[in-house]
Amino acid sequence: MKERIVIFIDGSNLFHGLRYLNIKIDYSKLVEFLKKDRYLVRTYFYTAVPQEKDVKKGTPEWDSLMRQRRFLDELSLMGIKVKTSNLRKLPSGEYLEKEVDIMLATDMLSLAYKNAYDTAVLVSGDSDFIYTVEEVQRLGKRVENATFKKTSSFNLRKACDDFILLDDYIDTFLMEEKKPSEETPQEKERKGEGLFQKVLNFFKS
């Protein structure tokens, strides 16, 4: 039987790595890259989202919330299981992220205990996951760590069975820029004829 893997993506940690490099990635390509030739049981993506009641409509924050929701919907359509918690708004107006790490750690342990996978691929550089990694290993499972250099924890890398520095493979899962479709010579000719006819009609009127 093929090695079974589950991919656990810490959305916030990954986002900070992407923002530092100023790049966008294709998550379906990232999953395929991490999967290799193994059997993928499921990919989970964890993040926190503001509550609608805390965001005023028509503001840049509202637009950002709508973009985030569309992004999470796209992940779901790729087959990625999205798990969210609510961002807590502080009196200062800033947001506090809670529960995301707990959700990820709980799922890693629970699925390991249920023997749902052989290897967990943890996409995060957060050293808070070290204890979770060690407990999963005590259950007889392997843990791979994948993250960008900027957000990587040396102690987390050391605790895991294997480590992948995503910076070295960016071209593998980089989002391709959409190029405008090239017009055929016939299409260009028709456009030219149309413009010429409009000019003639203008002077005739």
C-alpha atoms as a PDB file:
ATOM      1  CA  MET A   1       0.000   0.000   0.000  1.00  0.00           C
ATOM      2  CA  LYS A   2       1.068   3.565  -0.709  1.00  0.00           C
ATOM      3  CA  GLU A   3       2.139   5.810   2.122  1.00  0.00           C
ATOM      4  CA  ARG A   4      -0.904   7.784   3.306  1.00  0.00           C
ATOM      5  CA  ILE A   5      -0.453  11.470   3.985  1.00  0.00           C
ATOM      6  CA  VAL A   6      -2.519  14.337   5.358  1.00  0.00           C
ATOM      7  CA  ILE A   7      -1.410  17.925   4.719  1.00  0.00           C
ATOM      8  CA  PHE A   8      -2.030  20.497   7.459  1.00  0.00           C
ATOM      9  CA  ILE A   9      -1.603  24.127   6.308  1.00  0.00           C
ATOM     10  CA  ASP A  10      -1.246  26.914   8.858  1.00  0.00           C
ATOM     11  CA  GLY A  11      -2.772  29.659   6.698  1.00  0.00           C
ATOM     12  CA  SER A  12      -1.525  32.625   8.697  1.00  0.00           C
ATOM     13  CA  ASN A  13       2.055  31.382   8.901  1.00  0.00           C
ATOM     14  CA  LEU A  14       2.120  30.566   5.189  1.00  0.00           C
ATOM     15  CA  PHE A  15       0.614  33.970   4.352  1.00  0.00           C
ATOM     16  CA  HIS A  16       3.430  35.808   6.151  1.00  0.00           C
ATOM     17  CA  GLY A  17       6.022  33.858   4.179  1.00  0.00           C
ATOM     18  CA  LEU A  18       4.269  34.641   0.892  1.00  0.00           C
ATOM     19  CA  ARG A  19       3.868  38.320   1.760  1.00  0.00           C
ATOM     20  CA  TYR A  20       7.564  38.625   2.603  1.00  0.00           C
ATOM     21  CA  LEU A  21       8.497  37.150  -0.797  1.00  0.00           C
ATOM     22  CA  ASN A  22       5.702  39.125  -2.491  1.00  0.00           C
ATOM     23  CA  ILE A  23       4.463  36.124  -4.475  1.00  0.00           C
ATOM     24  CA  LYS A  24       1.194  34.312  -5.127  1.00  0.00           C
ATOM     25  CA  ILE A  25       1.032  30.544  -5.316  1.00  0.00           C
ATOM     26  CA  ASP A  26      -1.241  27.967  -6.879  1.00  0.00           C
ATOM     27  CA  TYR A  27      -2.428  25.910  -3.908  1.00  0.00           C
ATOM     28  CA  SER A  28      -3.378  22.933  -6.057  1.00  0.00           C
ATOM     29  CA  LYS A  29       0.224  22.838  -7.336  1.00  0.00           C
ATOM     30  CA  LEU A  30       1.577  23.182  -3.795  1.00  0.00           C
ATOM     31  CA  VAL A  31      -0.517  20.233  -2.653  1.00  0.00           C
ATOM     32  CA  GLU A  32       0.627  18.150  -5.617  1.00  0.00           C
ATOM     33  CA  PHE A  33       4.256  19.058  -4.878  1.00  0.00           C
ATOM     34  CA  LEU A  34       3.974  18.030  -1.218  1.00  0.00           C
ATOM     35  CA  LYS A  35       2.027  14.883  -2.073  1.00  0.00           C
ATOM     36  CA  LYS A  36       4.710  13.495  -4.415  1.00  0.00           C
ATOM     37  CA  ASP A  37       3.750   9.922  -5.400  1.00  0.00           C
ATOM     38  CA  ARG A  38       1.939   9.183  -2.150  1.00  0.00           C
ATOM     39  CA  TYR A  39      -1.757   8.716  -1.381  1.00  0.00           C
ATOM     40  CA  LEU A  40      -3.316  11.989  -0.228  1.00  0.00           C
ATOM     41  CA  VAL A  41      -6.065  11.395   2.316  1.00  0.00           C
ATOM     42  CA  ARG A  42      -6.953  15.072   2.683  1.00  0.00           C
ATOM     43  CA  THR A  43      -5.553  18.599   2.859  1.00  0.00           C
ATOM     44  CA  TYR A  44      -6.650  20.948   5.634  1.00  0.00           C
ATOM     45  CA  PHE A  45      -6.266  24.732   5.607  1.00  0.00           C
ATOM     46  CA  TYR A  46      -6.609  26.629   8.897  1.00  0.00           C
ATOM     47  CA  THR A  47      -7.228  30.357   9.239  1.00  0.00           C
ATOM     48  CA  ALA A  48      -9.138  32.978  11.217  1.00  0.00           C
ATOM     49  CA  VAL A  49     -11.775  35.270   9.699  1.00  0.00           C
ATOM     50  CA  PRO A  50     -13.329  38.494  11.067  1.00  0.00           C
ATOM     51  CA  GLN A  51     -16.998  38.336  11.986  1.00  0.00           C
ATOM     52  CA  GLU A  52     -19.359  40.395   9.805  1.00  0.00           C
ATOM     53  CA  LYS A  53     -20.645  42.304  12.822  1.00  0.00           C
ATOM     54  CA  ASP A  54     -17.128  43.632  13.431  1.00  0.00           C
ATOM     55  CA  VAL A  55     -16.619  44.947   9.898  1.00  0.00           C
ATOM     56  CA  LYS A  56     -18.372  47.973   8.443  1.00  0.00           C
ATOM     57  CA  LYS A  57     -19.773  47.517   4.949  1.00  0.00           C
ATOM     58  CA  GLY A  58     -18.322  49.698   2.202  1.00  0.00           C
ATOM     59  CA  THR A  59     -14.910  49.972   3.886  1.00  0.00           C
ATOM     60  CA  PRO A  60     -11.556  48.556   2.720  1.00  0.00           C
ATOM     61  CA  GLU A  61     -11.832  46.059   5.607  1.00  0.00           C
ATOM     62  CA  TRP A  62     -15.171  44.820   4.217  1.00  0.00           C
ATOM     63  CA  ASP A  63     -13.662  44.411   0.743  1.00  0.00           C
ATOM     64  CA  SER A  64     -10.773  42.484   2.299  1.00  0.00           C
ATOM     65  CA  LEU A  65     -13.210  40.187   4.106  1.00  0.00           C
ATOM     66  CA  MET A  66     -15.078  39.494   0.856  1.00  0.00           C
ATOM     67  CA  ARG A  67     -11.803  38.702  -0.947  1.00  0.00           C
ATOM     68  CA  GLN A  68     -10.802  36.356   1.857  1.00  0.00           C
ATOM     69  CA  ARG A  69     -14.122  34.539   1.623  1.00  0.00           C
ATOM     70  CA  ARG A  70     -13.788  34.128  -2.140  1.00  0.00           C
ATOM     71  CA  PHE A  71     -10.275  32.796  -1.655  1.00  0.00           C
ATOM     72  CA  LEU A  72     -11.450  30.232   0.915  1.00  0.00           C
ATOM     73  CA  ASP A  73     -14.292  29.186  -1.400  1.00  0.00           C
ATOM     74  CA  GLU A  74     -11.738  28.591  -4.162  1.00  0.00           C
ATOM     75  CA  LEU A  75      -9.694  26.390  -1.834  1.00  0.00           C
ATOM     76  CA  SER A  76     -12.808  24.374  -1.005  1.00  0.00           C
ATOM     77  CA  LEU A  77     -13.508  23.865  -4.710  1.00  0.00           C
ATOM     78  CA  MET A  78      -9.967  22.462  -5.054  1.00  0.00           C
ATOM     79  CA  GLY A  79     -10.866  19.781  -2.515  1.00  0.00           C
ATOM     80  CA  ILE A  80      -9.041  21.468   0.368  1.00  0.00           C
ATOM     81  CA  LYS A  81     -10.924  21.263   3.675  1.00  0.00           C
ATOM     82  CA  VAL A  82     -11.062  24.802   5.085  1.00  0.00           C
ATOM     83  CA  LYS A  83     -11.370  25.182   8.857  1.00  0.00           C
ATOM     84  CA  THR A  84     -11.869  28.658  10.300  1.00  0.00           C
ATOM     85  CA  SER A  85     -12.145  30.379  13.645  1.00  0.00           C
ATOM     86  CA  ASN A  86     -13.371  33.895  14.379  1.00  0.00           C
ATOM     87  CA  LEU A  87     -10.900  36.731  14.746  1.00  0.00           C
ATOM     88  CA  ARG A  88     -11.595  38.607  17.965  1.00  0.00           C
ATOM     89  CA  LYS A  89     -11.789  42.397  17.689  1.00  0.00           C
ATOM     90  CA  LEU A  90     -10.090  44.211  20.554  1.00  0.00           C
ATOM     91  CA  PRO A  91     -11.228  47.593  21.943  1.00  0.00           C
ATOM     92  CA  SER A  92      -8.217  49.119  20.171  1.00  0.00           C
ATOM     93  CA  GLY A  93      -9.709  48.027  16.838  1.00  0.00           C
ATOM     94  CA  GLU A  94      -7.008  45.423  16.230  1.00  0.00           C
ATOM     95  CA  TYR A  95      -7.812  41.750  15.668  1.00  0.00           C
ATOM     96  CA  LEU A  96      -6.560  38.828  17.730  1.00  0.00           C
ATOM     97  CA  GLU A  97      -6.177  35.372  16.202  1.00  0.00           C
ATOM     98  CA  LYS A  98      -7.266  32.587  18.518  1.00  0.00           C
ATOM     99  CA  GLU A  99      -7.973  28.850  18.298  1.00  0.00           C
ATOM    100  CA  VAL A 100      -6.377  28.239  14.872  1.00  0.00           C
ATOM    101  CA  ASP A 101      -3.273  26.516  16.270  1.00  0.00           C
ATOM    102  CA  ILE A 102      -5.440  24.499  18.658  1.00  0.00           C
ATOM    103  CA  MET A 103      -7.660  23.287  15.800  1.00  0.00           C
ATOM    104  CA  LEU A 104      -4.687  22.212  13.717  1.00  0.00           C
ATOM    105  CA  ALA A 105      -2.926  20.481  16.617  1.00  0.00           C
ATOM    106  CA  THR A 106      -6.130  18.682  17.663  1.00  0.00           C
ATOM    107  CA  ASP A 107      -6.759  17.395  14.140  1.00  0.00           C
ATOM    108  CA  MET A 108      -3.172  16.191  13.743  1.00  0.00           C
ATOM    109  CA  LEU A 109      -3.381  14.239  16.993  1.00  0.00           C
ATOM    110  CA  SER A 110      -6.924  12.956  16.500  1.00  0.00           C
ATOM    111  CA  LEU A 111      -6.278  11.662  12.965  1.00  0.00           C
ATOM    112  CA  ALA A 112      -2.996  10.081  14.061  1.00  0.00           C
ATOM    113  CA  TYR A 113      -4.769   8.319  16.916  1.00  0.00           C
ATOM    114  CA  LYS A 114      -7.427   7.064  14.463  1.00  0.00           C
ATOM    115  CA  ASN A 115      -4.647   5.787  12.160  1.00  0.00           C
ATOM    116  CA  ALA A 116      -5.950   7.968   9.312  1.00  0.00           C
ATOM    117  CA  TYR A 117      -2.464   8.628   7.940  1.00  0.00           C
ATOM    118  CA  ASP A 118       1.128   7.438   7.970  1.00  0.00           C
ATOM    119  CA  THR A 119       2.752  10.843   7.518  1.00  0.00           C
ATOM    120  CA  ALA A 120       1.593  14.333   8.431  1.00  0.00           C
ATOM    121  CA  VAL A 121       2.897  17.201   6.313  1.00  0.00           C
ATOM    122  CA  LEU A 122       2.857  20.319   8.480  1.00  0.00           C
ATOM    123  CA  VAL A 123       3.032  23.537   6.465  1.00  0.00           C
ATOM    124  CA  SER A 124       4.048  25.971   9.186  1.00  0.00           C
ATOM    125  CA  GLY A 125       7.098  27.411  10.865  1.00  0.00           C
ATOM    126  CA  ASP A 126       5.438  27.905  14.239  1.00  0.00           C
ATOM    127  CA  SER A 127       7.487  26.356  17.044  1.00  0.00           C
ATOM    128  CA  ASP A 128       4.301  25.997  19.137  1.00  0.00           C
ATOM    129  CA  PHE A 129       3.641  22.792  17.189  1.00  0.00           C
ATOM    130  CA  ILE A 130       6.732  21.002  18.509  1.00  0.00           C
ATOM    131  CA  TYR A 131       4.862  19.212  21.314  1.00  0.00           C
ATOM    132  CA  THR A 132       2.112  18.142  18.888  1.00  0.00           C
ATOM    133  CA  VAL A 133       4.725  16.783  16.474  1.00  0.00           C
ATOM    134  CA  GLU A 134       6.380  14.755  19.229  1.00  0.00           C
ATOM    135  CA  GLU A 135       3.060  13.298  20.384  1.00  0.00           C
ATOM    136  CA  VAL A 136       2.158  12.319  16.818  1.00  0.00           C
ATOM    137  CA  GLN A 137       5.544  10.611  16.482  1.00  0.00           C
ATOM    138  CA  ARG A 138       4.895   8.680  19.704  1.00  0.00           C
ATOM    139  CA  LEU A 139       1.832   7.258  17.969  1.00  0.00           C
ATOM    140  CA  GLY A 140       4.148   5.814  15.330  1.00  0.00           C
ATOM    141  CA  LYS A 141       3.594   8.461  12.640  1.00  0.00           C
ATOM    142  CA  ARG A 142       6.085  10.523  10.675  1.00  0.00           C
ATOM    143  CA  VAL A 143       5.918  14.306  10.419  1.00  0.00           C
ATOM    144  CA  GLU A 144       7.345  16.387   7.579  1.00  0.00           C
ATOM    145  CA  ASN A 145       7.730  20.140   7.938  1.00  0.00           C
ATOM    146  CA  ALA A 146       7.384  22.452   4.937  1.00  0.00           C
ATOM    147  CA  THR A 147       7.771  26.203   5.235  1.00  0.00           C
ATOM    148  CA  PHE A 148       9.473  29.306   3.896  1.00  0.00           C
ATOM    149  CA  LYS A 149      12.794  30.377   5.347  1.00  0.00           C
ATOM    150  CA  LYS A 150      11.402  33.671   6.687  1.00  0.00           C
ATOM    151  CA  THR A 151       8.826  31.925   8.897  1.00  0.00           C
ATOM    152  CA  SER A 152      10.768  28.764   9.685  1.00  0.00           C
ATOM    153  CA  SER A 153      11.590  27.595  13.223  1.00  0.00           C
ATOM    154  CA  PHE A 154      14.869  25.723  13.616  1.00  0.00           C
ATOM    155  CA  ASN A 155      13.547  23.823  16.652  1.00  0.00           C
ATOM    156  CA  LEU A 156      10.427  22.721  14.752  1.00  0.00           C
ATOM    157  CA  ARG A 157      12.552  21.516  11.823  1.00  0.00           C
ATOM    158  CA  LYS A 158      14.718  19.583  14.277  1.00  0.00           C
ATOM    159  CA  ALA A 159      11.677  17.896  15.870  1.00  0.00           C
ATOM    160  CA  CYS A 160      10.252  16.688  12.537  1.00  0.00           C
ATOM    161  CA  ASP A 161      11.381  13.634  10.568  1.00  0.00           C
ATOM    162  CA  ASP A 162      12.002  15.615   7.396  1.00  0.00           C
ATOM    163  CA  PHE A 163      12.093  19.251   6.314  1.00  0.00           C
ATOM    164  CA  ILE A 164      11.297  20.974   3.014  1.00  0.00           C
ATOM    165  CA  LEU A 165      12.380  24.590   2.439  1.00  0.00           C
ATOM    166  CA  LEU A 166       9.716  25.874   0.071  1.00  0.00           C
ATOM    167  CA  ASP A 167      11.928  28.758  -1.106  1.00  0.00           C
ATOM    168  CA  ASP A 168      13.959  26.222  -3.108  1.00  0.00           C
ATOM    169  CA  TYR A 169      10.918  25.078  -5.116  1.00  0.00           C
ATOM    170  CA  ILE A 170       8.930  28.286  -5.674  1.00  0.00           C
ATOM    171  CA  ASP A 171       8.779  27.852  -9.456  1.00  0.00           C
ATOM    172  CA  THR A 172       6.994  24.527  -8.941  1.00  0.00           C
ATOM    173  CA  PHE A 173       3.872  26.096  -7.445  1.00  0.00           C
ATOM    174  CA  LEU A 174       4.089  29.777  -8.380  1.00  0.00           C
ATOM    175  CA  MET A 175       0.842  31.273  -9.664  1.00  0.00           C
ATOM    176  CA  GLU A 176       1.063  31.773 -13.416  1.00  0.00           C
ATOM    177  CA  GLU A 177       0.150  35.244 -14.634  1.00  0.00           C
ATOM    178  CA  LYS A 178      -2.798  35.221 -16.998  1.00  0.00           C
ATOM    179  CA  LYS A 179      -1.774  36.461 -20.414  1.00  0.00           C
ATOM    180  CA  PRO A 180      -4.282  38.217 -22.671  1.00  0.00           C
ATOM    181  CA  SER A 181      -5.373  35.903 -25.464  1.00  0.00           C
ATOM    182  CA  GLU A 182      -3.534  36.586 -28.694  1.00  0.00           C
ATOM    183  CA  GLU A 183      -5.723  37.606 -31.600  1.00  0.00           C
ATOM    184  CA  THR A 184      -5.512  35.752 -34.876  1.00  0.00           C
ATOM    185  CA  PRO A 185      -4.668  37.775 -38.021  1.00  0.00           C
ATOM    186  CA  GLN A 186      -8.286  37.333 -39.148  1.00  0.00           C
ATOM    187  CA  GLU A 187      -9.624  38.805 -35.898  1.00  0.00           C
ATOM    188  CA  LYS A 188      -7.259  41.766 -36.163  1.00  0.00           C
ATOM    189  CA  GLU A 189      -8.353  42.318 -39.774  1.00  0.00           C
ATOM    190  CA  ARG A 190     -12.042  42.231 -38.819  1.00  0.00           C
ATOM    191  CA  LYS A 191     -11.416  44.750 -36.032  1.00  0.00           C
ATOM    192  CA  GLY A 192      -9.608  47.000 -38.477  1.00  0.00           C
ATOM    193  CA  GLU A 193     -12.477  46.778 -40.983  1.00  0.00           C
ATOM    194  CA  GLY A 194     -14.962  47.591 -38.243  1.00  0.00           C
ATOM    195  CA  LEU A 195     -13.045  50.688 -37.187  1.00  0.00           C
ATOM    196  CA  PHE A 196     -12.661  51.823 -40.815  1.00  0.00           C
ATOM    197  CA  GLN A 197     -16.414  51.455 -41.377  1.00  0.00           C
ATOM    198  CA  LYS A 198     -17.156  53.537 -38.271  1.00  0.00           C
ATOM    199  CA  VAL A 199     -14.910  56.338 -39.561  1.00  0.00           C
ATOM    200  CA  LEU A 200     -16.663  56.273 -42.949  1.00  0.00           C
ATOM    201  CA  ASN A 201     -20.088  56.400 -41.328  1.00  0.00           C
ATOM    202  CA  PHE A 202     -18.964  59.362 -39.222  1.00  0.00           C
ATOM    203  CA  PHE A 203     -17.993  61.429 -42.250  1.00  0.00           C
ATOM    204  CA  LYS A 204     -21.113  60.371 -44.177  1.00  0.00           C
ATOM    205  CA  SER A 205     -23.436  61.570 -41.422  1.00  0.00           C
END
